[in-house]
Amino acid sequence: MQRASRRRAYFALMGSCVVLIVLAWNVVRLWSTTAAVVMSVVAALLPPVAVLVGNLGALDSSDPERSDESRRG
C-alpha cells in the first residue's frame, strides 16, 4: 500500500470520527440518546483502526536494502 493512499485512508477515518462525534452530540442526541451513545462508541473505535490502516506496510518500505556481504558479518 502506498504512503499517499495510507495517509488518505487515515485522514478519512479520523474525519469520520470527528463527524460522528459532532453529529452525535449536537444533532442526534435531540432525538435519541441511545443512538448518540452508539455513534460515540463507534467513533471511539475508529482512531485505533485509523492508526493500524495508516501504518499498514510502513515498515516494509522503510527497511534499507541489505547486500549479501552485510548479512554475513
PDB file of N, CA and C in Angstrom:
ATOM      1  N   MET A   1       0.841  -1.175   0.000  1.00  0.00           N
ATOM      2  CA  MET A   1       0.000   0.000   0.000  1.00  0.00           C
ATOM      3  C   MET A   1       0.890   1.243   0.000  1.00  0.00           C
ATOM      4  N   GLN A   2       0.609   2.166  -0.871  1.00  0.00           N
ATOM      5  CA  GLN A   2       1.416   3.368  -0.996  1.00  0.00           C
ATOM      6  C   GLN A   2       1.177   4.312   0.179  1.00  0.00           C
ATOM      7  N   ARG A   3       2.182   5.160   0.435  1.00  0.00           N
ATOM      8  CA  ARG A   3       2.094   6.091   1.553  1.00  0.00           C
ATOM      9  C   ARG A   3       0.929   7.070   1.383  1.00  0.00           C
ATOM     10  N   ALA A   4       0.725   7.552   0.185  1.00  0.00           N
ATOM     11  CA  ALA A   4      -0.351   8.515  -0.061  1.00  0.00           C
ATOM     12  C   ALA A   4      -1.722   7.899   0.191  1.00  0.00           C
ATOM     13  N   SER A   5      -1.918   6.673  -0.230  1.00  0.00           N
ATOM     14  CA  SER A   5      -3.223   6.035  -0.010  1.00  0.00           C
ATOM     15  C   SER A   5      -3.430   5.706   1.463  1.00  0.00           C
ATOM     16  N   ARG A   6      -2.348   5.339   2.172  1.00  0.00           N
ATOM     17  CA  ARG A   6      -2.461   5.105   3.614  1.00  0.00           C
ATOM     18  C   ARG A   6      -2.826   6.395   4.331  1.00  0.00           C
ATOM     19  N   ARG A   7      -2.212   7.490   3.908  1.00  0.00           N
ATOM     20  CA  ARG A   7      -2.486   8.796   4.521  1.00  0.00           C
ATOM     21  C   ARG A   7      -3.928   9.226   4.268  1.00  0.00           C
ATOM     22  N   ARG A   8      -4.417   9.022   3.031  1.00  0.00           N
ATOM     23  CA  ARG A   8      -5.808   9.361   2.715  1.00  0.00           C
ATOM     24  C   ARG A   8      -6.774   8.539   3.549  1.00  0.00           C
ATOM     25  N   ALA A   9      -6.495   7.252   3.693  1.00  0.00           N
ATOM     26  CA  ALA A   9      -7.364   6.376   4.487  1.00  0.00           C
ATOM     27  C   ALA A   9      -7.358   6.801   5.951  1.00  0.00           C
ATOM     28  N   TYR A  10      -6.182   7.153   6.475  1.00  0.00           N
ATOM     29  CA  TYR A  10      -6.077   7.607   7.864  1.00  0.00           C
ATOM     30  C   TYR A  10      -6.916   8.861   8.090  1.00  0.00           C
ATOM     31  N   PHE A  11      -6.755   9.860   7.214  1.00  0.00           N
ATOM     32  CA  PHE A  11      -7.490  11.103   7.382  1.00  0.00           C
ATOM     33  C   PHE A  11      -8.988  10.911   7.154  1.00  0.00           C
ATOM     34  N   ALA A  12      -9.375  10.004   6.283  1.00  0.00           N
ATOM     35  CA  ALA A  12     -10.804   9.720   6.083  1.00  0.00           C
ATOM     36  C   ALA A  12     -11.401   9.098   7.344  1.00  0.00           C
ATOM     37  N   LEU A  13     -10.688   8.155   7.946  1.00  0.00           N
ATOM     38  CA  LEU A  13     -11.188   7.532   9.173  1.00  0.00           C
ATOM     39  C   LEU A  13     -11.239   8.527  10.324  1.00  0.00           C
ATOM     40  N   MET A  14     -10.207   9.347  10.471  1.00  0.00           N
ATOM     41  CA  MET A  14     -10.206  10.330  11.553  1.00  0.00           C
ATOM     42  C   MET A  14     -11.252  11.419  11.304  1.00  0.00           C
ATOM     43  N   GLY A  15     -11.457  11.788  10.061  1.00  0.00           N
ATOM     44  CA  GLY A  15     -12.511  12.743   9.738  1.00  0.00           C
ATOM     45  C   GLY A  15     -13.889  12.178  10.051  1.00  0.00           C
ATOM     46  N   SER A  16     -14.074  10.900   9.755  1.00  0.00           N
ATOM     47  CA  SER A  16     -15.333  10.237  10.098  1.00  0.00           C
ATOM     48  C   SER A  16     -15.551  10.226  11.597  1.00  0.00           C
ATOM     49  N   CYS A  17     -14.491  10.044  12.334  1.00  0.00           N
ATOM     50  CA  CYS A  17     -14.567  10.056  13.794  1.00  0.00           C
ATOM     51  C   CYS A  17     -15.063  11.409  14.290  1.00  0.00           C
ATOM     52  N   VAL A  18     -14.489  12.467  13.788  1.00  0.00           N
ATOM     53  CA  VAL A  18     -14.883  13.821  14.206  1.00  0.00           C
ATOM     54  C   VAL A  18     -16.332  14.102  13.808  1.00  0.00           C
ATOM     55  N   VAL A  19     -16.707  13.725  12.593  1.00  0.00           N
ATOM     56  CA  VAL A  19     -18.074  13.953  12.135  1.00  0.00           C
ATOM     57  C   VAL A  19     -19.070  13.184  12.998  1.00  0.00           C
ATOM     58  N   LEU A  20     -18.758  11.936  13.331  1.00  0.00           N
ATOM     59  CA  LEU A  20     -19.656  11.148  14.179  1.00  0.00           C
ATOM     60  C   LEU A  20     -19.848  11.791  15.546  1.00  0.00           C
ATOM     61  N   ILE A  21     -18.757  12.247  16.151  1.00  0.00           N
ATOM     62  CA  ILE A  21     -18.860  12.877  17.473  1.00  0.00           C
ATOM     63  C   ILE A  21     -19.699  14.153  17.400  1.00  0.00           C
ATOM     64  N   VAL A  22     -19.416  14.995  16.410  1.00  0.00           N
ATOM     65  CA  VAL A  22     -20.141  16.262  16.291  1.00  0.00           C
ATOM     66  C   VAL A  22     -21.623  16.013  16.031  1.00  0.00           C
ATOM     67  N   LEU A  23     -21.931  15.103  15.114  1.00  0.00           N
ATOM     68  CA  LEU A  23     -23.332  14.815  14.827  1.00  0.00           C
ATOM     69  C   LEU A  23     -24.030  14.158  16.010  1.00  0.00           C
ATOM     70  N   ALA A  24     -23.331  13.245  16.679  1.00  0.00           N
ATOM     71  CA  ALA A  24     -23.950  12.520  17.791  1.00  0.00           C
ATOM     72  C   ALA A  24     -24.378  13.460  18.904  1.00  0.00           C
ATOM     73  N   TRP A  25     -23.515  14.394  19.264  1.00  0.00           N
ATOM     74  CA  TRP A  25     -23.811  15.210  20.439  1.00  0.00           C
ATOM     75  C   TRP A  25     -24.406  16.577  20.130  1.00  0.00           C
ATOM     76  N   ASN A  26     -24.526  16.922  18.866  1.00  0.00           N
ATOM     77  CA  ASN A  26     -25.182  18.188  18.527  1.00  0.00           C
ATOM     78  C   ASN A  26     -26.500  17.998  17.787  1.00  0.00           C
ATOM     79  N   VAL A  27     -26.711  16.857  17.159  1.00  0.00           N
ATOM     80  CA  VAL A  27     -27.919  16.660  16.367  1.00  0.00           C
ATOM     81  C   VAL A  27     -28.705  15.434  16.846  1.00  0.00           C
ATOM     82  N   VAL A  28     -28.057  14.282  16.835  1.00  0.00           N
ATOM     83  CA  VAL A  28     -28.751  13.021  17.084  1.00  0.00           C
ATOM     84  C   VAL A  28     -29.264  12.919  18.520  1.00  0.00           C
ATOM     85  N   ARG A  29     -28.560  13.471  19.473  1.00  0.00           N
ATOM     86  CA  ARG A  29     -28.985  13.355  20.873  1.00  0.00           C
ATOM     87  C   ARG A  29     -30.330  14.002  21.132  1.00  0.00           C
ATOM     88  N   LEU A  30     -30.735  14.919  20.267  1.00  0.00           N
ATOM     89  CA  LEU A  30     -32.037  15.563  20.426  1.00  0.00           C
ATOM     90  C   LEU A  30     -33.187  14.593  20.175  1.00  0.00           C
ATOM     91  N   TRP A  31     -32.951  13.570  19.345  1.00  0.00           N
ATOM     92  CA  TRP A  31     -33.978  12.590  19.044  1.00  0.00           C
ATOM     93  C   TRP A  31     -33.756  11.274  19.776  1.00  0.00           C
ATOM     94  N   SER A  32     -32.507  10.840  19.923  1.00  0.00           N
ATOM     95  CA  SER A  32     -32.246   9.548  20.550  1.00  0.00           C
ATOM     96  C   SER A  32     -30.881   9.562  21.232  1.00  0.00           C
ATOM     97  N   THR A  33     -30.925   9.504  22.547  1.00  0.00           N
ATOM     98  CA  THR A  33     -29.675   9.455  23.307  1.00  0.00           C
ATOM     99  C   THR A  33     -28.941   8.146  23.063  1.00  0.00           C
ATOM    100  N   THR A  34     -29.695   7.068  22.920  1.00  0.00           N
ATOM    101  CA  THR A  34     -29.083   5.757  22.667  1.00  0.00           C
ATOM    102  C   THR A  34     -28.306   5.762  21.352  1.00  0.00           C
ATOM    103  N   ALA A  35     -28.892   6.333  20.336  1.00  0.00           N
ATOM    104  CA  ALA A  35     -28.200   6.410  19.039  1.00  0.00           C
ATOM    105  C   ALA A  35     -26.948   7.272  19.145  1.00  0.00           C
ATOM    106  N   ALA A  36     -27.024   8.348  19.916  1.00  0.00           N
ATOM    107  CA  ALA A  36     -25.852   9.216  20.096  1.00  0.00           C
ATOM    108  C   ALA A  36     -24.741   8.475  20.819  1.00  0.00           C
ATOM    109  N   VAL A  37     -25.088   7.672  21.806  1.00  0.00           N
ATOM    110  CA  VAL A  37     -24.080   6.890  22.538  1.00  0.00           C
ATOM    111  C   VAL A  37     -23.471   5.832  21.621  1.00  0.00           C
ATOM    112  N   VAL A  38     -24.292   5.172  20.824  1.00  0.00           N
ATOM    113  CA  VAL A  38     -23.772   4.162  19.889  1.00  0.00           C
ATOM    114  C   VAL A  38     -22.837   4.813  18.874  1.00  0.00           C
ATOM    115  N   MET A  39     -23.207   5.972  18.370  1.00  0.00           N
ATOM    116  CA  MET A  39     -22.327   6.690  17.435  1.00  0.00           C
ATOM    117  C   MET A  39     -21.012   7.066  18.107  1.00  0.00           C
ATOM    118  N   SER A  40     -21.067   7.439  19.365  1.00  0.00           N
ATOM    119  CA  SER A  40     -19.851   7.798  20.100  1.00  0.00           C
ATOM    120  C   SER A  40     -18.952   6.590  20.315  1.00  0.00           C
ATOM    121  N   VAL A  41     -19.544   5.443  20.571  1.00  0.00           N
ATOM    122  CA  VAL A  41     -18.753   4.220  20.743  1.00  0.00           C
ATOM    123  C   VAL A  41     -18.057   3.864  19.431  1.00  0.00           C
ATOM    124  N   VAL A  42     -18.779   3.964  18.341  1.00  0.00           N
ATOM    125  CA  VAL A  42     -18.171   3.698  17.027  1.00  0.00           C
ATOM    126  C   VAL A  42     -17.045   4.696  16.766  1.00  0.00           C
ATOM    127  N   ALA A  43     -17.278   5.963  17.109  1.00  0.00           N
ATOM    128  CA  ALA A  43     -16.253   6.987  16.914  1.00  0.00           C
ATOM    129  C   ALA A  43     -15.033   6.721  17.791  1.00  0.00           C
ATOM    130  N   ALA A  44     -15.238   6.151  18.963  1.00  0.00           N
ATOM    131  CA  ALA A  44     -14.117   5.842  19.850  1.00  0.00           C
ATOM    132  C   ALA A  44     -13.286   4.680  19.311  1.00  0.00           C
ATOM    133  N   LEU A  45     -13.879   3.808  18.527  1.00  0.00           N
ATOM    134  CA  LEU A  45     -13.154   2.671  17.958  1.00  0.00           C
ATOM    135  C   LEU A  45     -12.400   3.023  16.679  1.00  0.00           C
ATOM    136  N   LEU A  46     -12.758   4.123  16.055  1.00  0.00           N
ATOM    137  CA  LEU A  46     -12.125   4.494  14.787  1.00  0.00           C
ATOM    138  C   LEU A  46     -10.657   4.921  14.893  1.00  0.00           C
ATOM    139  N   PRO A  47     -10.216   5.674  15.910  1.00  0.00           N
ATOM    140  CA  PRO A  47      -8.803   6.069  15.940  1.00  0.00           C
ATOM    141  C   PRO A  47      -7.806   4.897  15.970  1.00  0.00           C
ATOM    142  N   PRO A  48      -8.024   3.837  16.772  1.00  0.00           N
ATOM    143  CA  PRO A  48      -7.072   2.719  16.685  1.00  0.00           C
ATOM    144  C   PRO A  48      -7.073   2.038  15.317  1.00  0.00           C
ATOM    145  N   VAL A  49      -8.239   1.951  14.702  1.00  0.00           N
ATOM    146  CA  VAL A  49      -8.314   1.366  13.355  1.00  0.00           C
ATOM    147  C   VAL A  49      -7.585   2.264  12.363  1.00  0.00           C
ATOM    148  N   ALA A  50      -7.734   3.565  12.512  1.00  0.00           N
ATOM    149  CA  ALA A  50      -7.059   4.510  11.614  1.00  0.00           C
ATOM    150  C   ALA A  50      -5.542   4.387  11.739  1.00  0.00           C
ATOM    151  N   VAL A  51      -5.058   4.212  12.949  1.00  0.00           N
ATOM    152  CA  VAL A  51      -3.610   4.051  13.151  1.00  0.00           C
ATOM    153  C   VAL A  51      -3.120   2.773  12.488  1.00  0.00           C
ATOM    154  N   LEU A  52      -3.867   1.686  12.645  1.00  0.00           N
ATOM    155  CA  LEU A  52      -3.469   0.426  12.008  1.00  0.00           C
ATOM    156  C   LEU A  52      -3.454   0.553  10.490  1.00  0.00           C
ATOM    157  N   VAL A  53      -4.478   1.183   9.936  1.00  0.00           N
ATOM    158  CA  VAL A  53      -4.539   1.362   8.479  1.00  0.00           C
ATOM    159  C   VAL A  53      -3.438   2.302   8.005  1.00  0.00           C
ATOM    160  N   GLY A  54      -3.194   3.364   8.764  1.00  0.00           N
ATOM    161  CA  GLY A  54      -2.175   4.334   8.377  1.00  0.00           C
ATOM    162  C   GLY A  54      -0.769   3.780   8.400  1.00  0.00           C
ATOM    163  N   ASN A  55      -0.523   2.807   9.252  1.00  0.00           N
ATOM    164  CA  ASN A  55       0.816   2.227   9.364  1.00  0.00           C
ATOM    165  C   ASN A  55       0.960   0.890   8.651  1.00  0.00           C
ATOM    166  N   LEU A  56      -0.080   0.444   7.984  1.00  0.00           N
ATOM    167  CA  LEU A  56      -0.067  -0.842   7.303  1.00  0.00           C
ATOM    168  C   LEU A  56       1.003  -0.868   6.214  1.00  0.00           C
ATOM    169  N   GLY A  57       1.991  -1.696   6.373  1.00  0.00           N
ATOM    170  CA  GLY A  57       3.047  -1.825   5.387  1.00  0.00           C
ATOM    171  C   GLY A  57       4.118  -0.755   5.462  1.00  0.00           C
ATOM    172  N   ALA A  58       4.070   0.108   6.454  1.00  0.00           N
ATOM    173  CA  ALA A  58       5.042   1.205   6.534  1.00  0.00           C
ATOM    174  C   ALA A  58       6.447   0.681   6.812  1.00  0.00           C
ATOM    175  N   LEU A  59       6.580  -0.352   7.601  1.00  0.00           N
ATOM    176  CA  LEU A  59       7.904  -0.884   7.912  1.00  0.00           C
ATOM    177  C   LEU A  59       8.531  -1.594   6.722  1.00  0.00           C
ATOM    178  N   ASP A  60       7.705  -2.188   5.875  1.00  0.00           N
ATOM    179  CA  ASP A  60       8.240  -2.873   4.699  1.00  0.00           C
ATOM    180  C   ASP A  60       8.986  -1.910   3.781  1.00  0.00           C
ATOM    181  N   SER A  61       8.459  -0.722   3.609  1.00  0.00           N
ATOM    182  CA  SER A  61       9.090   0.226   2.693  1.00  0.00           C
ATOM    183  C   SER A  61      10.226   1.008   3.337  1.00  0.00           C
ATOM    184  N   SER A  62      10.308   0.996   4.670  1.00  0.00           N
ATOM    185  CA  SER A  62      11.350   1.780   5.322  1.00  0.00           C
ATOM    186  C   SER A  62      12.621   0.972   5.611  1.00  0.00           C
ATOM    187  N   ASP A  63      12.556  -0.343   5.484  1.00  0.00           N
ATOM    188  CA  ASP A  63      13.748  -1.161   5.717  1.00  0.00           C
ATOM    189  C   ASP A  63      14.760  -0.930   4.601  1.00  0.00           C
ATOM    190  N   PRO A  64      16.006  -0.625   4.963  1.00  0.00           N
ATOM    191  CA  PRO A  64      17.020  -0.456   3.915  1.00  0.00           C
ATOM    192  C   PRO A  64      17.373  -1.799   3.288  1.00  0.00           C
ATOM    193  N   GLU A  65      17.715  -1.733   2.027  1.00  0.00           N
ATOM    194  CA  GLU A  65      18.120  -2.956   1.335  1.00  0.00           C
ATOM    195  C   GLU A  65      19.484  -3.389   1.849  1.00  0.00           C
ATOM    196  N   ARG A  66      19.640  -4.662   2.096  1.00  0.00           N
ATOM    197  CA  ARG A  66      20.918  -5.184   2.580  1.00  0.00           C
ATOM    198  C   ARG A  66      21.607  -5.959   1.475  1.00  0.00           C
ATOM    199  N   SER A  67      22.897  -5.804   1.420  1.00  0.00           N
ATOM    200  CA  SER A  67      23.662  -6.601   0.454  1.00  0.00           C
ATOM    201  C   SER A  67      24.024  -7.932   1.094  1.00  0.00           C
ATOM    202  N   ASP A  68      24.492  -8.862   0.294  1.00  0.00           N
ATOM    203  CA  ASP A  68      24.861 -10.182   0.809  1.00  0.00           C
ATOM    204  C   ASP A  68      26.037 -10.092   1.789  1.00  0.00           C
ATOM    205  N   GLU A  69      26.917  -9.144   1.575  1.00  0.00           N
ATOM    206  CA  GLU A  69      28.090  -9.010   2.450  1.00  0.00           C
ATOM    207  C   GLU A  69      27.710  -8.561   3.853  1.00  0.00           C
ATOM    208  N   SER A  70      26.716  -7.696   3.978  1.00  0.00           N
ATOM    209  CA  SER A  70      26.326  -7.221   5.308  1.00  0.00           C
ATOM    210  C   SER A  70      25.582  -8.296   6.080  1.00  0.00           C
ATOM    211  N   ARG A  71      25.007  -9.270   5.400  1.00  0.00           N
ATOM    212  CA  ARG A  71      24.300 -10.362   6.072  1.00  0.00           C
ATOM    213  C   ARG A  71      25.281 -11.350   6.706  1.00  0.00           C
ATOM    214  N   ARG A  72      26.439 -11.500   6.110  1.00  0.00           N
ATOM    215  CA  ARG A  72      27.418 -12.478   6.616  1.00  0.00           C
ATOM    216  C   ARG A  72      28.069 -12.022   7.905  1.00  0.00           C
ATOM    217  N   GLY A  73      28.262 -10.713   8.036  1.00  0.00           N
ATOM    218  CA  GLY A  73      29.062 -10.157   9.093  1.00  0.00           C
ATOM    219  C   GLY A  73      28.419 -10.089  10.395  1.00  0.00           C
TER     220      GLY A  73
END
